[in-house]
Amino acid sequence: MSHRQFYRRLKRTAEVLKTLHQPGKTHLTELYRYHSLGVSTDNSTKAMYVGAIDPGRTNPLPIWAYYRDRGYVTARVETSCEDWSTTYISQYHRSKRYSIGERSLDYELSSPFCMPEFYPATGNSFGNFKGPFSIIARCLYGRHVHEYGFDYIDQLRHELRSVEKSKRRPYMLMLNLMEGHEGTGEVLRTLDNRLSLFLEDLRSSGELEDTALFLLSDHGLHMGLNFAFLNSGQIEHRNPFFSMVLPAWLHEQVDSKGRQGLRLNEQRLTTPMETHFTLKTLANWPAYEDADFEKSLFNAVPAGRTCEQAGIGSRICKCKV
């Protein structure tokens, strides 16, 4: 989902997102020049989750394992019948057990989205009329597929926060949604109501006053007529949506340390690689590694940064479309 597509198709969500900027309570940041690192999911998510497009090392840990090792409760919902670690980094692991076992997640939901009603057991699982790339609404037993994902995340976060604050463990919860991945650009509209309600609940509960929220995409649309025939579609493909909401107290600390780097980065060339080091910095806050902070979104990237300097290949650079 591109930055422009977010505002085209998720109009209610866009309005709610604006209200998450509440001076003294929460601070909203959008990155307008955020750039993907590849044509599809592979490069951008490996950069964001592992910190390398080609890890080149044995047993690389995804970012949620990094959080789990630091005492966080971790959970991930995949609404596309896919295990990210198995699909994208298992070739770097000596055993799949290491990749997806004890070092990975406390909670995981993916198997319901492999049911034949949604994900065809035979034939093409990624066709136009069924499955996670369908050009029609994605449903499972009378409900939108994404509703099950939101329900799971909502129930889990409410239970985690019901624990007395002094005994509460920090948590990292992830929900992967696929409504933006199809050629018409219309299925995304089905997500608008439920996503906006989710954000409204986060705001009204006060949860964002002690929680960092990332709402982002790995790339823009790379199918359909707009992408195939128009320069604007090519540019949008390389410019995924990125927003982040931080508690005001945390943003103040980040701003002081990074000399307003986060604000400056709103209009500078950034990538999922900076997102990775932002997540690493937050996992250790306030005892973070200076090297991670310097490579994060909290520290300003150079003005006039080129694709080459940012690690963006010449074939994918939107400046060369």
Protein backbone atom coordinates (compact mmCIF):
# COMPACT_ATOMS: atom_id res chain seq x y z
CA MET A 1 0.00 0.00 0.00
CA SER A 2 1.47 3.30 -1.09
CA HIS A 3 1.28 6.54 0.85
CA ARG A 4 -1.22 7.97 -1.64
CA GLN A 5 -3.29 4.77 -1.67
CA PHE A 6 -3.69 4.97 2.10
CA TYR A 7 -5.37 8.35 1.75
CA ARG A 8 -7.42 7.30 -1.30
CA ARG A 9 -8.93 4.13 0.11
CA LEU A 10 -8.75 4.40 3.91
CA LYS A 11 -10.45 7.75 4.35
CA ARG A 12 -11.99 7.10 7.75
CA THR A 13 -8.76 5.60 9.06
CA ALA A 14 -6.84 8.64 7.77
CA GLU A 15 -9.14 10.96 9.72
CA VAL A 16 -8.76 8.92 12.90
CA LEU A 17 -4.98 8.76 12.46
CA LYS A 18 -4.81 12.56 12.58
CA THR A 19 -6.50 12.53 16.00
CA LEU A 20 -3.73 10.34 17.42
CA HIS A 21 -1.53 13.43 17.50
CA GLN A 22 -2.42 14.86 20.91
CA PRO A 23 0.15 17.36 22.25
CA GLY A 24 1.20 16.42 25.74
CA LYS A 25 -0.03 12.85 25.28
CA THR A 26 0.98 11.38 21.93
CA HIS A 27 2.99 12.40 18.86
CA LEU A 28 2.29 11.30 15.26
CA THR A 29 5.03 11.07 12.63
CA GLU A 30 4.59 10.30 8.92
CA LEU A 31 7.47 9.61 6.55
CA TYR A 32 6.57 11.08 3.17
CA ARG A 33 9.66 9.85 1.28
CA TYR A 34 9.83 6.36 2.79
CA HIS A 35 11.20 4.01 0.09
CA SER A 36 10.87 0.27 -0.44
CA LEU A 37 13.98 -1.84 -0.99
CA GLY A 38 12.64 -4.23 -3.59
CA VAL A 39 9.87 -5.03 -6.04
CA SER A 40 8.02 -7.28 -3.61
CA THR A 41 7.98 -8.23 0.05
CA ASP A 42 11.34 -10.03 0.30
CA ASN A 43 13.94 -7.25 0.56
CA SER A 44 11.90 -4.72 2.52
CA THR A 45 10.71 -7.14 5.19
CA LYS A 46 14.10 -8.81 5.58
CA ALA A 47 15.63 -5.36 6.08
CA MET A 48 12.96 -4.40 8.61
CA TYR A 49 12.83 -7.67 10.54
CA VAL A 50 16.45 -8.90 10.33
CA GLY A 51 18.44 -5.77 9.47
CA ALA A 52 19.89 -7.21 6.25
CA ILE A 53 18.58 -8.10 2.80
CA ASP A 54 21.02 -11.02 2.65
CA PRO A 55 21.85 -11.82 6.29
CA GLY A 56 25.00 -13.73 5.35
CA ARG A 57 25.10 -15.33 8.79
CA THR A 58 23.75 -18.50 10.36
CA ASN A 59 20.51 -18.41 12.34
CA PRO A 60 19.53 -14.73 11.94
CA LEU A 61 16.85 -13.73 14.43
CA PRO A 62 13.74 -11.79 13.38
CA ILE A 63 13.02 -8.68 15.38
CA TRP A 64 10.28 -10.35 17.43
CA ALA A 65 12.78 -12.92 18.72
CA TYR A 66 15.05 -10.01 19.65
CA TYR A 67 12.19 -8.55 21.70
CA ARG A 68 11.32 -11.90 23.26
CA ASP A 69 14.92 -12.36 24.41
CA ARG A 70 14.53 -9.05 26.26
CA GLY A 71 11.47 -10.07 28.22
CA TYR A 72 8.70 -8.94 25.89
CA VAL A 73 5.58 -10.99 25.24
CA THR A 74 5.51 -11.40 21.46
CA ALA A 75 2.66 -12.20 19.09
CA ARG A 76 2.13 -12.14 15.34
CA VAL A 77 -0.97 -12.65 13.19
CA GLU A 78 -0.47 -13.64 9.53
CA THR A 79 -3.71 -13.33 7.54
CA SER A 80 -2.23 -14.95 4.42
CA CYS A 81 -1.47 -18.56 5.47
CA GLU A 82 2.24 -17.86 5.69
CA ASP A 83 4.95 -18.08 8.32
CA TRP A 84 7.34 -15.24 7.57
CA SER A 85 10.40 -16.86 9.13
CA THR A 86 9.92 -20.11 7.23
CA THR A 87 9.29 -18.34 3.94
CA TYR A 88 12.05 -15.73 4.00
CA ILE A 89 14.89 -16.76 6.31
CA SER A 90 14.67 -20.52 6.90
CA GLN A 91 17.41 -21.08 4.31
CA TYR A 92 19.82 -19.36 6.70
CA HIS A 93 18.91 -21.72 9.57
CA ARG A 94 20.34 -25.12 10.39
CA SER A 95 16.88 -26.29 11.47
CA LYS A 96 13.38 -24.95 11.08
CA ARG A 97 12.84 -25.51 14.78
CA TYR A 98 15.36 -22.76 15.50
CA SER A 99 13.71 -20.47 12.97
CA ILE A 100 10.11 -20.85 14.10
CA GLY A 101 10.40 -22.52 17.51
CA GLU A 102 11.36 -21.40 20.98
CA ARG A 103 13.29 -18.33 19.84
CA SER A 104 10.39 -16.85 17.93
CA LEU A 105 6.91 -16.04 19.30
CA ASP A 106 4.80 -16.53 22.41
CA TYR A 107 1.56 -16.31 20.43
CA GLU A 108 0.91 -16.86 16.74
CA LEU A 109 -2.21 -17.02 14.57
CA SER A 110 -2.02 -18.19 10.97
CA SER A 111 -3.66 -21.62 10.59
CA PRO A 112 -7.29 -20.34 10.34
CA PHE A 113 -6.26 -18.42 7.23
CA CYS A 114 -5.21 -21.68 5.57
CA MET A 115 -8.79 -23.00 5.60
CA PRO A 116 -10.04 -23.95 2.11
CA GLU A 117 -12.94 -21.49 2.26
CA PHE A 118 -10.37 -18.69 2.08
CA TYR A 119 -7.13 -20.33 0.92
CA PRO A 120 -7.74 -22.93 -1.84
CA ALA A 121 -6.35 -26.36 -1.01
CA THR A 122 -5.96 -27.18 -4.71
CA GLY A 123 -5.28 -25.12 -7.82
CA ASN A 124 -4.04 -21.54 -7.58
CA SER A 125 -3.99 -20.29 -3.99
CA PHE A 126 -3.21 -16.77 -5.21
CA GLY A 127 -5.91 -16.35 -7.84
CA ASN A 128 -8.14 -13.38 -8.56
CA PHE A 129 -11.25 -14.72 -6.85
CA LYS A 130 -10.01 -16.58 -3.79
CA GLY A 131 -7.09 -16.37 -1.42
CA PRO A 132 -4.90 -13.54 -0.09
CA PHE A 133 -4.53 -11.84 -3.52
CA SER A 134 -8.22 -11.94 -4.42
CA ILE A 135 -9.76 -8.91 -6.17
CA ILE A 136 -13.01 -9.47 -4.24
CA ALA A 137 -13.61 -9.17 -0.51
CA ARG A 138 -11.65 -11.78 1.48
CA CYS A 139 -14.08 -13.61 3.75
CA LEU A 140 -14.03 -16.65 6.04
CA TYR A 141 -17.31 -18.06 7.35
CA GLY A 142 -19.26 -14.87 6.82
CA ARG A 143 -16.73 -12.38 8.18
CA HIS A 144 -13.90 -10.42 6.64
CA VAL A 145 -10.63 -12.26 7.18
CA HIS A 146 -9.05 -9.22 8.84
CA GLU A 147 -11.73 -9.21 11.55
CA TYR A 148 -10.37 -12.43 13.02
CA GLY A 149 -6.91 -10.87 13.15
CA PHE A 150 -8.11 -7.74 14.91
CA ASP A 151 -10.19 -9.80 17.36
CA TYR A 152 -7.13 -11.86 18.30
CA ILE A 153 -4.89 -8.83 18.81
CA ASP A 154 -7.59 -6.97 20.75
CA GLN A 155 -8.24 -9.87 23.10
CA LEU A 156 -4.54 -10.41 23.71
CA ARG A 157 -3.67 -6.78 24.40
CA HIS A 158 -6.65 -6.35 26.72
CA GLU A 159 -5.61 -9.42 28.70
CA LEU A 160 -1.98 -8.32 28.89
CA ARG A 161 -3.04 -4.88 30.13
CA SER A 162 -5.45 -6.32 32.70
CA VAL A 163 -2.46 -7.37 34.81
CA GLU A 164 -1.52 -5.00 37.63
CA LYS A 165 0.81 -2.38 36.16
CA SER A 166 3.73 -3.18 38.46
CA LYS A 167 3.59 -6.83 37.33
CA ARG A 168 2.78 -6.22 33.65
CA ARG A 169 5.26 -7.43 31.03
CA PRO A 170 5.97 -5.30 27.96
CA TYR A 171 4.66 -6.68 24.70
CA MET A 172 5.22 -6.55 20.96
CA LEU A 173 2.13 -7.40 18.91
CA MET A 174 2.08 -7.57 15.09
CA LEU A 175 -0.82 -7.87 12.66
CA ASN A 176 -0.05 -8.48 8.99
CA LEU A 177 -2.89 -7.48 6.64
CA MET A 178 -3.09 -8.24 2.91
CA GLU A 179 -6.03 -6.18 1.66
CA GLY A 180 -3.72 -3.84 -0.25
CA HIS A 181 -2.23 -6.71 -2.25
CA GLU A 182 -4.38 -7.06 -5.40
CA GLY A 183 -4.69 -5.42 -8.80
CA THR A 184 -7.84 -3.29 -8.52
CA GLY A 185 -6.92 -1.29 -5.42
CA GLU A 186 -10.50 -1.61 -4.19
CA VAL A 187 -10.33 -4.43 -1.62
CA LEU A 188 -8.48 -2.06 0.70
CA ARG A 189 -11.76 -0.22 1.29
CA THR A 190 -13.11 -3.25 3.18
CA LEU A 191 -10.46 -2.69 5.85
CA ASP A 192 -11.28 0.96 6.55
CA ASN A 193 -14.04 0.55 9.14
CA ARG A 194 -12.33 -2.08 11.30
CA LEU A 195 -8.91 -0.45 11.19
CA SER A 196 -10.34 2.95 12.16
CA LEU A 197 -12.22 1.37 15.08
CA PHE A 198 -8.99 -0.28 16.23
CA LEU A 199 -7.18 3.07 16.24
CA GLU A 200 -10.07 4.77 18.02
CA ASP A 201 -9.91 2.11 20.75
CA LEU A 202 -6.17 2.64 21.19
CA ARG A 203 -6.75 6.39 21.52
CA SER A 204 -9.71 6.27 23.92
CA SER A 205 -8.11 3.62 26.15
CA GLY A 206 -5.04 5.79 26.76
CA GLU A 207 -2.86 2.90 25.63
CA LEU A 208 -0.86 5.08 23.26
CA GLU A 209 0.47 7.06 26.21
CA ASP A 210 2.77 4.13 27.02
CA THR A 211 2.85 2.25 23.69
CA ALA A 212 4.60 2.85 20.37
CA LEU A 213 2.39 2.22 17.33
CA PHE A 214 3.70 1.52 13.82
CA LEU A 215 1.27 1.55 10.89
CA LEU A 216 3.21 0.82 7.72
CA SER A 217 3.55 -1.10 4.47
CA ASP A 218 6.49 -2.85 2.81
CA HIS A 219 5.76 -1.56 -0.71
CA GLY A 220 3.08 0.03 -2.86
CA LEU A 221 0.91 -1.76 -5.39
CA HIS A 222 2.93 -3.69 -7.99
CA MET A 223 0.05 -5.03 -10.06
CA GLY A 224 -2.79 -3.49 -12.04
CA LEU A 225 -3.01 -0.93 -14.84
CA ASN A 226 -1.67 2.04 -12.87
CA PHE A 227 1.55 0.23 -12.01
CA ALA A 228 1.92 -1.33 -15.47
CA PHE A 229 1.46 1.77 -17.62
CA LEU A 230 1.96 4.99 -15.61
CA ASN A 231 5.01 6.65 -14.07
CA SER A 232 2.86 7.66 -11.12
CA GLY A 233 2.08 3.98 -10.48
CA GLN A 234 5.78 3.11 -10.61
CA ILE A 235 6.56 5.85 -8.11
CA GLU A 236 3.75 4.83 -5.77
CA HIS A 237 5.02 1.25 -5.81
CA ARG A 238 8.30 2.47 -4.32
CA ASN A 239 6.70 4.80 -1.75
CA PRO A 240 4.92 2.68 0.89
CA PHE A 241 2.92 4.22 3.70
CA PHE A 242 4.65 4.78 7.05
CA SER A 243 3.35 6.33 10.25
CA MET A 244 4.42 6.03 13.86
CA VAL A 245 2.79 7.22 17.08
CA LEU A 246 4.93 7.64 20.20
CA PRO A 247 3.97 8.64 23.73
CA ALA A 248 4.77 12.33 24.20
CA TRP A 249 7.32 11.64 26.96
CA LEU A 250 9.19 9.18 24.73
CA HIS A 251 9.08 11.51 21.74
CA GLU A 252 10.54 14.29 23.90
CA GLN A 253 13.45 12.04 24.92
CA VAL A 254 14.01 10.89 21.33
CA ASP A 255 13.85 14.47 20.06
CA SER A 256 16.39 15.62 22.60
CA LYS A 257 18.85 12.82 21.87
CA GLY A 258 18.35 12.90 18.09
CA ARG A 259 18.22 16.70 17.72
CA GLN A 260 14.81 16.54 16.02
CA GLY A 261 16.01 13.79 13.70
CA LEU A 262 12.57 12.19 13.52
CA ARG A 263 10.98 15.45 12.35
CA LEU A 264 13.71 16.03 9.77
CA ASN A 265 13.30 12.50 8.44
CA GLU A 266 9.67 13.13 7.53
CA GLN A 267 10.88 14.71 4.27
CA ARG A 268 14.10 12.74 3.78
CA LEU A 269 14.84 9.47 2.02
CA THR A 270 14.37 6.64 4.52
CA THR A 271 13.94 2.87 4.19
CA PRO A 272 12.89 -0.22 6.17
CA MET A 273 16.53 -0.57 7.26
CA GLU A 274 16.11 2.49 9.50
CA THR A 275 12.86 0.98 10.77
CA HIS A 276 14.77 -2.11 11.92
CA PHE A 277 17.20 -0.09 14.01
CA THR A 278 14.33 2.00 15.37
CA LEU A 279 12.70 -1.19 16.63
CA LYS A 280 16.00 -2.39 18.13
CA THR A 281 16.46 0.95 19.87
CA LEU A 282 12.96 0.81 21.37
CA ALA A 283 13.46 -2.80 22.53
CA ASN A 284 16.32 -1.64 24.77
CA TRP A 285 15.01 1.81 25.73
CA PRO A 286 16.40 3.63 27.66
CA ALA A 287 19.54 1.45 27.72
CA TYR A 288 19.84 1.32 23.92
CA GLU A 289 23.02 0.90 21.91
CA ASP A 290 24.30 4.16 20.45
CA ALA A 291 25.13 2.38 17.19
CA ASP A 292 21.48 1.32 16.81
CA PHE A 293 20.20 4.81 17.60
CA GLU A 294 22.49 6.39 15.01
CA LYS A 295 21.08 4.10 12.30
CA SER A 296 17.46 4.54 13.41
CA LEU A 297 14.75 6.95 12.30
CA PHE A 298 15.40 8.94 15.46
CA ASN A 299 18.65 10.20 14.00
CA ALA A 300 18.44 12.41 10.90
CA VAL A 301 19.61 10.80 7.67
CA PRO A 302 21.65 13.18 5.46
CA ALA A 303 19.78 15.86 3.55
CA GLY A 304 19.95 15.12 -0.17
CA ARG A 305 20.57 11.43 0.50
CA THR A 306 20.72 9.41 -2.72
CA CYS A 307 19.31 5.96 -3.42
CA GLU A 308 22.84 4.57 -3.56
CA GLN A 309 23.64 6.02 -0.13
CA ALA A 310 20.40 4.58 1.26
CA GLY A 311 21.10 1.08 -0.10
CA ILE A 312 18.32 1.27 -2.71
CA GLY A 313 19.18 -0.48 -5.97
CA SER A 314 19.15 1.55 -9.17
CA ARG A 315 16.39 -0.63 -10.66
CA ILE A 316 14.01 0.20 -7.80
CA CYS A 317 14.98 3.85 -7.15
CA LYS A 318 11.91 6.07 -7.62
CA CYS A 319 14.14 8.99 -8.57
CA LYS A 320 14.97 7.13 -11.79
CA VAL A 321 11.45 6.22 -12.92
